[in-house]
Amino acid sequence: QNEFHNGNIPFEEIYFNVTGCLDKSIGDIGDDRTAVCDRPEEMTDEIRFDVFPPFDSSSEYPQFNSGSPVILFEPGLRCHSQDMPGNMIIRLAYEKGIRSIAINRRGHIPNQVLKAPRWNLFGDIDDLEQTYWHIKENLLAPNTAIFLHGISSGCAVTVTALAAWDKRRLLFPEKKTPSFVGAVTVTPGYDTSKVLQPDRFKEPYNALMTFAVKDHFIMKNEKVLRSFDSSAVDAALEASTLQEFLDASAPFAGYPNASEYFKGENPVNDLQYIDTPTFVLNSLDDPCCNINNLYETSPYVNHEGRSFAQIVRDSKRGLIAVTKTGSHCPFLDGRWFPFVKDPLTGKWMLKSWADEASVEFYVAALQVYEERRFM
């Protein structure tokens, strides 16, 4: 997709240290665990979030300031800020006066290996909370509108965070809790204990991506990961499917095994608690997130026999759009000419219905849910 985008976006790169609990199976994911858990130094690592327009660029982008609305992006599998996949939405957000901050998770920063044996294929909610507070308290003006946007595998940590933090706010209103004016998830897969099985994440993509994640996350970081759990490295490298790979890598996410991992961080666990205005996009022809994932009946008791689609429909501020076509993320709009002028360069870029709809949702949310800036 980026071949059409006239070069890379000139991000401001900001590095930030995050830490993690040695054992995440202890404690409630809804709490700020890093404030109370055992956090050995070896769990600390450096992430990078990329900002556009840069914070220190008032002369070049005078329409932006520290109070401009912000979207926090969680990119997809093996992706990063310049290809989340694609970056059309950053250009569209720029046109509407919305700043973008792409969060390059542990293991996602180009040409940077892990320093710590902590890494989660779907993203780390504790890392995200630390990043959120650093951005909110040190870089943004008070009461700046913040949005959260997940793409592909980045939807998992997005939904997990929304559910955990909205639950915390409901049950413990006195506790400090991240909040958003709105959120978008593009092609989520729902139940992560099943989502990467070959009957849901289809071939040849499953086999291709299984090979790719082994190389990208394990082999590139084998020394530090093997020093922590050599048997888990072996199991991950021996995995024949993406689901087996995810299950095997649970120890590096902070859990003793896959069962505890899904008990702690499956995004559907507390789906019913999400109160943040959320726009969900799926496509009927998605080969990587089977649309049946959305409509299957949840096996979890707290969902009372409803499908995940019904849970979102029953929520206060949830909206799902299911398109006939769109594949996995592109949602190209225009049969014969799926292009539109790039607001950043004036040249042509791919036209994505999902990106345009997401930005329209954020603009509308600024009007309808403006009071959420003050939460």
Protein backbone atom coordinates (compact mmCIF):
# COMPACT_ATOMS: atom_id res chain seq x y z
CA GLN A 1 0.00 0.00 0.00
CA ASN A 2 2.76 2.44 0.86
CA GLU A 3 4.12 2.31 -2.70
CA PHE A 4 1.36 4.79 -3.59
CA HIS A 5 2.04 7.12 -0.69
CA ASN A 6 4.82 9.33 -1.99
CA GLY A 7 7.45 8.53 0.62
CA ASN A 8 7.42 8.07 4.37
CA ILE A 9 5.59 10.34 6.79
CA PRO A 10 8.02 12.69 8.63
CA PHE A 11 7.32 11.45 12.15
CA GLU A 12 8.84 12.78 15.32
CA GLU A 13 10.31 9.69 17.02
CA ILE A 14 9.99 9.56 20.81
CA TYR A 15 11.57 6.72 22.81
CA PHE A 16 10.09 5.69 26.13
CA ASN A 17 10.95 3.02 28.69
CA VAL A 18 8.19 0.65 29.80
CA THR A 19 8.31 -1.99 32.48
CA GLY A 20 6.30 -5.12 33.17
CA CYS A 21 5.25 -7.55 35.86
CA LEU A 22 7.26 -10.74 36.08
CA ASP A 23 4.06 -12.78 36.53
CA LYS A 24 0.90 -11.24 35.08
CA SER A 25 -1.30 -14.15 36.12
CA ILE A 26 -1.28 -12.63 39.61
CA GLY A 27 -3.68 -9.73 40.04
CA ASP A 28 -6.51 -8.19 38.02
CA ILE A 29 -5.82 -6.91 34.53
CA GLY A 30 -8.16 -4.02 35.29
CA ASP A 31 -5.75 -2.66 37.91
CA ASP A 32 -2.54 -0.77 37.25
CA ARG A 33 -0.47 -3.84 38.01
CA THR A 34 2.86 -2.19 37.37
CA ALA A 35 2.32 -0.04 40.47
CA VAL A 36 2.21 -3.01 42.83
CA CYS A 37 3.68 -6.11 41.16
CA ASP A 38 7.19 -7.52 41.11
CA ARG A 39 8.91 -5.56 38.32
CA PRO A 40 12.47 -6.76 37.95
CA GLU A 41 14.77 -4.55 35.92
CA GLU A 42 15.12 -7.24 33.26
CA MET A 43 11.47 -6.71 32.26
CA THR A 44 12.14 -3.08 31.27
CA ASP A 45 12.54 -2.23 27.61
CA GLU A 46 12.32 0.68 25.21
CA ILE A 47 9.42 1.32 22.87
CA ARG A 48 8.97 4.14 20.40
CA PHE A 49 5.94 6.19 19.52
CA ASP A 50 5.98 8.19 16.32
CA VAL A 51 4.16 11.52 16.18
CA PHE A 52 2.77 13.41 13.18
CA PRO A 53 2.68 16.32 12.98
CA PRO A 54 5.60 16.60 15.43
CA PHE A 55 4.96 18.45 18.67
CA ASP A 56 7.76 20.94 18.02
CA SER A 57 6.64 21.98 14.52
CA SER A 58 4.31 24.93 15.08
CA SER A 59 5.95 26.92 12.29
CA GLU A 60 5.58 24.17 9.70
CA TYR A 61 2.12 23.02 10.84
CA PRO A 62 0.58 26.12 12.47
CA GLN A 63 -2.89 24.56 12.65
CA PHE A 64 -1.63 22.06 15.24
CA ASN A 65 -0.78 22.64 18.90
CA SER A 66 -0.51 20.61 22.10
CA GLY A 67 -4.29 20.66 22.45
CA SER A 68 -5.03 19.21 18.99
CA PRO A 69 -7.01 15.94 19.13
CA VAL A 70 -4.84 12.81 19.10
CA ILE A 71 -5.31 9.28 17.78
CA LEU A 72 -3.18 6.57 19.42
CA PHE A 73 -2.62 3.83 16.83
CA GLU A 74 -1.93 0.18 17.61
CA PRO A 75 -0.53 -1.30 14.35
CA GLY A 76 -0.99 -4.84 13.09
CA LEU A 77 1.13 -7.98 13.11
CA ARG A 78 4.81 -7.19 12.46
CA CYS A 79 3.73 -3.65 11.50
CA HIS A 80 4.98 -0.23 12.57
CA SER A 81 4.19 3.45 12.08
CA GLN A 82 5.10 3.70 8.39
CA ASP A 83 3.03 0.63 7.52
CA MET A 84 0.26 -0.17 10.02
CA PRO A 85 -0.52 -1.65 7.30
CA GLY A 86 -0.72 1.45 5.11
CA ASN A 87 -0.75 4.97 6.51
CA MET A 88 -3.58 6.59 4.56
CA ILE A 89 -5.53 7.26 7.74
CA ILE A 90 -2.70 9.36 9.20
CA ARG A 91 -2.89 11.57 6.13
CA LEU A 92 -6.68 11.84 6.38
CA ALA A 93 -6.48 12.65 10.10
CA TYR A 94 -3.95 15.39 9.33
CA GLU A 95 -6.47 16.98 6.95
CA LYS A 96 -9.02 17.16 9.78
CA GLY A 97 -6.59 18.67 12.30
CA ILE A 98 -6.08 15.43 14.25
CA ARG A 99 -2.57 14.44 15.33
CA SER A 100 -1.49 10.80 15.00
CA ILE A 101 0.71 8.88 17.43
CA ALA A 102 1.63 5.39 16.25
CA ILE A 103 2.80 3.15 19.09
CA ASN A 104 5.57 0.80 18.01
CA ARG A 105 5.21 -2.02 20.53
CA ARG A 106 8.01 -4.18 21.90
CA GLY A 107 9.47 -6.12 18.99
CA HIS A 108 7.91 -3.79 16.39
CA ILE A 109 10.54 -1.06 16.15
CA PRO A 110 12.42 -1.48 12.85
CA ASN A 111 16.05 -2.61 13.29
CA GLN A 112 15.78 -2.79 17.09
CA VAL A 113 16.03 -6.05 19.03
CA LEU A 114 14.46 -6.72 22.40
CA LYS A 115 16.46 -5.82 25.48
CA ALA A 116 14.08 -7.68 27.79
CA PRO A 117 12.40 -11.11 27.43
CA ARG A 118 8.95 -9.50 27.48
CA TRP A 119 6.91 -9.45 24.31
CA ASN A 120 3.27 -10.10 23.44
CA LEU A 121 2.17 -10.94 19.89
CA PHE A 122 -1.03 -8.94 20.42
CA GLY A 123 0.43 -6.12 22.47
CA ASP A 124 0.85 -5.42 26.17
CA ILE A 125 -1.92 -3.56 28.00
CA ASP A 126 0.43 -2.51 30.83
CA ASP A 127 2.86 -0.99 28.32
CA LEU A 128 -0.05 0.81 26.69
CA GLU A 129 -1.21 2.31 29.99
CA GLN A 130 2.27 3.59 30.82
CA THR A 131 2.53 5.11 27.34
CA TYR A 132 -0.92 6.69 27.63
CA TRP A 133 -0.07 8.49 30.88
CA HIS A 134 3.30 9.66 29.61
CA ILE A 135 1.69 11.20 26.52
CA LYS A 136 -1.26 12.68 28.39
CA GLU A 137 0.67 14.15 31.28
CA ASN A 138 3.86 15.27 29.54
CA LEU A 139 3.06 16.04 25.91
CA LEU A 140 -0.58 17.12 25.63
CA ALA A 141 -2.46 20.15 26.89
CA PRO A 142 -5.03 19.48 29.66
CA ASN A 143 -8.31 17.96 28.45
CA THR A 144 -7.01 17.12 24.98
CA ALA A 145 -9.29 14.68 23.16
CA ILE A 146 -7.63 11.26 22.80
CA PHE A 147 -8.80 8.37 20.59
CA LEU A 148 -7.60 4.76 20.46
CA HIS A 149 -7.36 2.94 17.12
CA GLY A 150 -6.53 -0.75 16.61
CA ILE A 151 -5.68 -2.28 13.25
CA SER A 152 -5.71 -6.04 12.64
CA SER A 153 -3.80 -7.74 15.49
CA GLY A 154 -3.53 -4.32 17.15
CA CYS A 155 -7.27 -4.60 17.83
CA ALA A 156 -6.60 -7.17 20.55
CA VAL A 157 -4.72 -4.86 22.92
CA THR A 158 -7.11 -2.03 21.98
CA VAL A 159 -10.22 -3.97 22.98
CA THR A 160 -8.54 -5.57 26.00
CA ALA A 161 -7.58 -2.11 27.24
CA LEU A 162 -10.99 -0.55 26.62
CA ALA A 163 -12.72 -3.39 28.46
CA ALA A 164 -10.30 -3.43 31.40
CA TRP A 165 -10.25 0.32 31.88
CA ASP A 166 -13.98 0.89 31.43
CA LYS A 167 -14.53 -1.91 33.95
CA ARG A 168 -12.09 -0.27 36.37
CA ARG A 169 -13.85 3.07 36.00
CA LEU A 170 -17.25 1.46 36.69
CA LEU A 171 -16.22 -0.64 39.69
CA PHE A 172 -13.57 1.66 41.16
CA PRO A 173 -14.41 5.25 40.13
CA GLU A 174 -11.87 6.62 42.59
CA LYS A 175 -8.97 5.00 40.72
CA LYS A 176 -6.91 6.72 38.06
CA THR A 177 -8.02 5.29 34.71
CA PRO A 178 -7.25 6.03 31.05
CA SER A 179 -10.20 7.34 29.03
CA PHE A 180 -10.92 8.06 25.39
CA VAL A 181 -13.42 10.18 23.50
CA GLY A 182 -13.84 7.27 21.09
CA ALA A 183 -12.17 4.21 19.60
CA VAL A 184 -12.06 2.26 16.34
CA THR A 185 -11.09 -1.36 15.68
CA VAL A 186 -10.47 -2.39 12.06
CA THR A 187 -10.87 -6.14 11.35
CA PRO A 188 -10.75 -7.50 14.92
CA GLY A 189 -10.74 -11.29 15.31
CA TYR A 190 -12.60 -11.47 18.68
CA ASP A 191 -11.76 -14.63 20.69
CA THR A 192 -7.95 -14.83 20.57
CA SER A 193 -7.92 -18.38 21.96
CA LYS A 194 -9.21 -19.48 18.52
CA VAL A 195 -8.64 -16.60 16.11
CA LEU A 196 -5.37 -17.81 14.59
CA GLN A 197 -6.44 -21.38 13.88
CA PRO A 198 -6.17 -22.33 10.18
CA ASP A 199 -9.94 -22.61 9.78
CA ARG A 200 -10.26 -18.97 10.89
CA PHE A 201 -6.99 -17.43 9.69
CA LYS A 202 -6.94 -19.06 6.27
CA GLU A 203 -4.17 -20.55 4.19
CA PRO A 204 -1.85 -19.65 2.60
CA TYR A 205 -1.72 -16.67 4.96
CA ASN A 206 -1.50 -18.80 8.11
CA ALA A 207 1.58 -20.68 6.96
CA LEU A 208 3.21 -17.56 5.52
CA MET A 209 2.67 -15.52 8.67
CA THR A 210 3.72 -18.37 10.97
CA PHE A 211 7.09 -18.38 9.23
CA ALA A 212 7.23 -14.57 9.31
CA VAL A 213 6.54 -14.18 13.04
CA LYS A 214 9.08 -16.83 13.94
CA ASP A 215 11.73 -14.89 12.07
CA HIS A 216 10.59 -11.43 13.19
CA PHE A 217 9.94 -12.01 16.88
CA ILE A 218 11.81 -15.17 17.94
CA MET A 219 14.86 -15.66 15.74
CA LYS A 220 15.78 -11.97 15.75
CA ASN A 221 15.54 -11.92 19.57
CA GLU A 222 16.51 -15.52 20.29
CA LYS A 223 19.39 -14.77 22.66
CA VAL A 224 17.40 -12.70 25.15
CA LEU A 225 14.28 -14.88 24.89
CA ARG A 226 16.17 -18.13 25.33
CA SER A 227 17.91 -16.78 28.41
CA PHE A 228 14.47 -16.44 29.98
CA ASP A 229 12.69 -19.60 28.77
CA SER A 230 14.54 -21.82 26.30
CA SER A 231 11.75 -24.42 26.13
CA ALA A 232 9.24 -21.73 25.13
CA VAL A 233 11.57 -20.63 22.33
CA ASP A 234 11.75 -24.23 21.09
CA ALA A 235 7.97 -24.60 21.22
CA ALA A 236 7.42 -21.35 19.33
CA LEU A 237 9.90 -22.33 16.61
CA GLU A 238 8.28 -25.75 16.29
CA ALA A 239 4.75 -24.32 15.93
CA SER A 240 3.01 -25.33 12.70
CA THR A 241 0.23 -22.71 12.88
CA LEU A 242 -0.15 -19.15 14.10
CA GLN A 243 -2.36 -20.32 16.97
CA GLU A 244 0.29 -22.80 18.13
CA PHE A 245 2.86 -20.02 17.94
CA LEU A 246 0.70 -17.69 20.04
CA ASP A 247 0.07 -20.41 22.63
CA ALA A 248 3.76 -21.28 22.87
CA SER A 249 4.83 -17.66 23.35
CA ALA A 250 2.62 -17.09 26.44
CA PRO A 251 5.62 -17.11 28.87
CA PHE A 252 7.10 -14.07 27.11
CA ALA A 253 3.81 -12.21 27.61
CA GLY A 254 4.08 -12.78 31.37
CA TYR A 255 1.98 -15.92 31.82
CA PRO A 256 3.02 -19.49 32.74
CA ASN A 257 1.00 -21.06 29.93
CA ALA A 258 -1.57 -20.37 27.20
CA SER A 259 -4.53 -21.10 29.47
CA GLU A 260 -3.51 -18.40 31.94
CA TYR A 261 -2.69 -16.04 29.09
CA PHE A 262 -6.19 -16.24 27.59
CA LYS A 263 -7.72 -16.06 31.03
CA GLY A 264 -5.84 -12.83 31.59
CA GLU A 265 -5.80 -11.08 28.21
CA ASN A 266 -8.37 -12.43 25.77
CA PRO A 267 -10.07 -9.23 24.48
CA VAL A 268 -13.55 -10.79 24.65
CA ASN A 269 -13.31 -11.63 28.37
CA ASP A 270 -14.84 -8.36 29.56
CA LEU A 271 -16.28 -7.15 26.26
CA GLN A 272 -19.59 -6.35 27.94
CA TYR A 273 -17.95 -3.64 30.06
CA ILE A 274 -16.89 -1.41 27.17
CA ASP A 275 -18.58 1.96 27.55
CA THR A 276 -16.29 3.99 25.29
CA PRO A 277 -17.93 4.99 21.98
CA THR A 278 -16.47 2.35 19.66
CA PHE A 279 -16.74 1.83 15.91
CA VAL A 280 -15.97 -1.75 14.76
CA LEU A 281 -15.28 -2.64 11.13
CA ASN A 282 -15.28 -6.14 9.64
CA SER A 283 -15.54 -7.53 6.11
CA LEU A 284 -17.35 -10.63 4.87
CA ASP A 285 -14.43 -11.58 2.62
CA ASP A 286 -11.65 -11.19 5.21
CA PRO A 287 -9.33 -14.23 4.85
CA CYS A 288 -7.53 -13.55 8.15
CA CYS A 289 -10.44 -12.76 10.49
CA ASN A 290 -13.29 -15.09 9.61
CA ILE A 291 -16.58 -13.22 9.84
CA ASN A 292 -18.07 -16.18 11.72
CA ASN A 293 -15.88 -15.11 14.65
CA LEU A 294 -18.22 -12.15 15.11
CA TYR A 295 -21.46 -14.12 15.05
CA GLU A 296 -20.52 -17.23 17.01
CA THR A 297 -22.11 -17.68 20.43
CA SER A 298 -19.69 -16.79 23.18
CA PRO A 299 -18.74 -19.80 25.34
CA TYR A 300 -18.09 -17.56 28.35
CA VAL A 301 -20.65 -17.62 31.18
CA ASN A 302 -20.59 -13.87 31.77
CA HIS A 303 -21.81 -13.29 28.20
CA GLU A 304 -25.11 -15.08 28.91
CA GLY A 305 -25.30 -17.04 25.67
CA ARG A 306 -24.95 -14.02 23.37
CA SER A 307 -22.81 -13.74 20.28
CA PHE A 308 -20.05 -11.14 20.20
CA ALA A 309 -22.14 -9.19 17.69
CA GLN A 310 -25.04 -9.14 20.17
CA ILE A 311 -22.77 -7.98 22.99
CA VAL A 312 -21.63 -4.99 20.94
CA ARG A 313 -25.20 -4.31 19.80
CA ASP A 314 -26.39 -4.35 23.43
CA SER A 315 -23.67 -1.94 24.54
CA LYS A 316 -24.41 1.74 25.14
CA ARG A 317 -22.08 3.17 22.52
CA GLY A 318 -20.94 0.32 20.26
CA LEU A 319 -21.37 0.27 16.47
CA ILE A 320 -20.41 -2.49 14.02
CA ALA A 321 -20.15 -2.06 10.25
CA VAL A 322 -19.82 -5.24 8.19
CA THR A 323 -18.98 -4.71 4.52
CA LYS A 324 -19.44 -7.15 1.64
CA THR A 325 -15.86 -6.61 0.50
CA GLY A 326 -12.76 -5.08 2.04
CA SER A 327 -10.50 -8.09 2.60
CA HIS A 328 -8.17 -7.75 5.59
CA CYS A 329 -7.69 -4.01 6.22
CA PRO A 330 -7.55 -2.36 2.73
CA PHE A 331 -11.32 -1.66 2.23
CA LEU A 332 -10.42 -0.10 -1.13
CA ASP A 333 -13.17 2.22 -2.34
CA GLY A 334 -13.65 2.57 -6.10
CA ARG A 335 -13.88 -0.42 -8.45
CA TRP A 336 -11.99 1.15 -11.34
CA PHE A 337 -10.09 3.95 -9.62
CA PRO A 338 -9.55 3.40 -5.87
CA PHE A 339 -7.48 6.52 -5.40
CA VAL A 340 -7.87 9.93 -3.80
CA LYS A 341 -5.69 13.00 -3.46
CA ASP A 342 -3.23 12.83 -0.56
CA PRO A 343 -3.93 15.80 1.78
CA LEU A 344 -0.27 15.80 2.80
CA THR A 345 1.43 15.87 -0.62
CA GLY A 346 -1.33 16.64 -3.12
CA LYS A 347 -0.45 13.48 -5.05
CA TRP A 348 -2.51 10.29 -5.37
CA MET A 349 -2.94 7.72 -2.60
CA LEU A 350 -5.14 4.66 -2.15
CA LYS A 351 -8.71 5.37 -1.13
CA SER A 352 -9.87 3.32 1.85
CA TRP A 353 -13.48 3.38 2.97
CA ALA A 354 -12.44 2.16 6.43
CA ASP A 355 -9.98 5.00 6.88
CA GLU A 356 -12.44 7.64 5.68
CA ALA A 357 -15.24 6.23 7.87
CA SER A 358 -12.93 6.08 10.90
CA VAL A 359 -11.90 9.72 10.57
CA GLU A 360 -15.54 10.74 10.06
CA PHE A 361 -16.38 8.84 13.25
CA TYR A 362 -13.68 10.69 15.18
CA VAL A 363 -14.83 14.08 13.89
CA ALA A 364 -18.42 13.28 14.88
CA ALA A 365 -17.32 11.96 18.29
CA LEU A 366 -15.60 15.28 19.01
CA GLN A 367 -19.02 16.90 18.76
CA VAL A 368 -21.27 14.24 20.29
CA TYR A 369 -18.97 13.05 23.09
CA GLU A 370 -16.93 16.19 23.76
CA GLU A 371 -17.53 15.89 27.50
CA ARG A 372 -15.39 12.73 27.58
CA ARG A 373 -12.31 14.94 27.20
CA PHE A 374 -12.78 15.90 30.84
CA MET A 375 -12.99 12.38 32.29
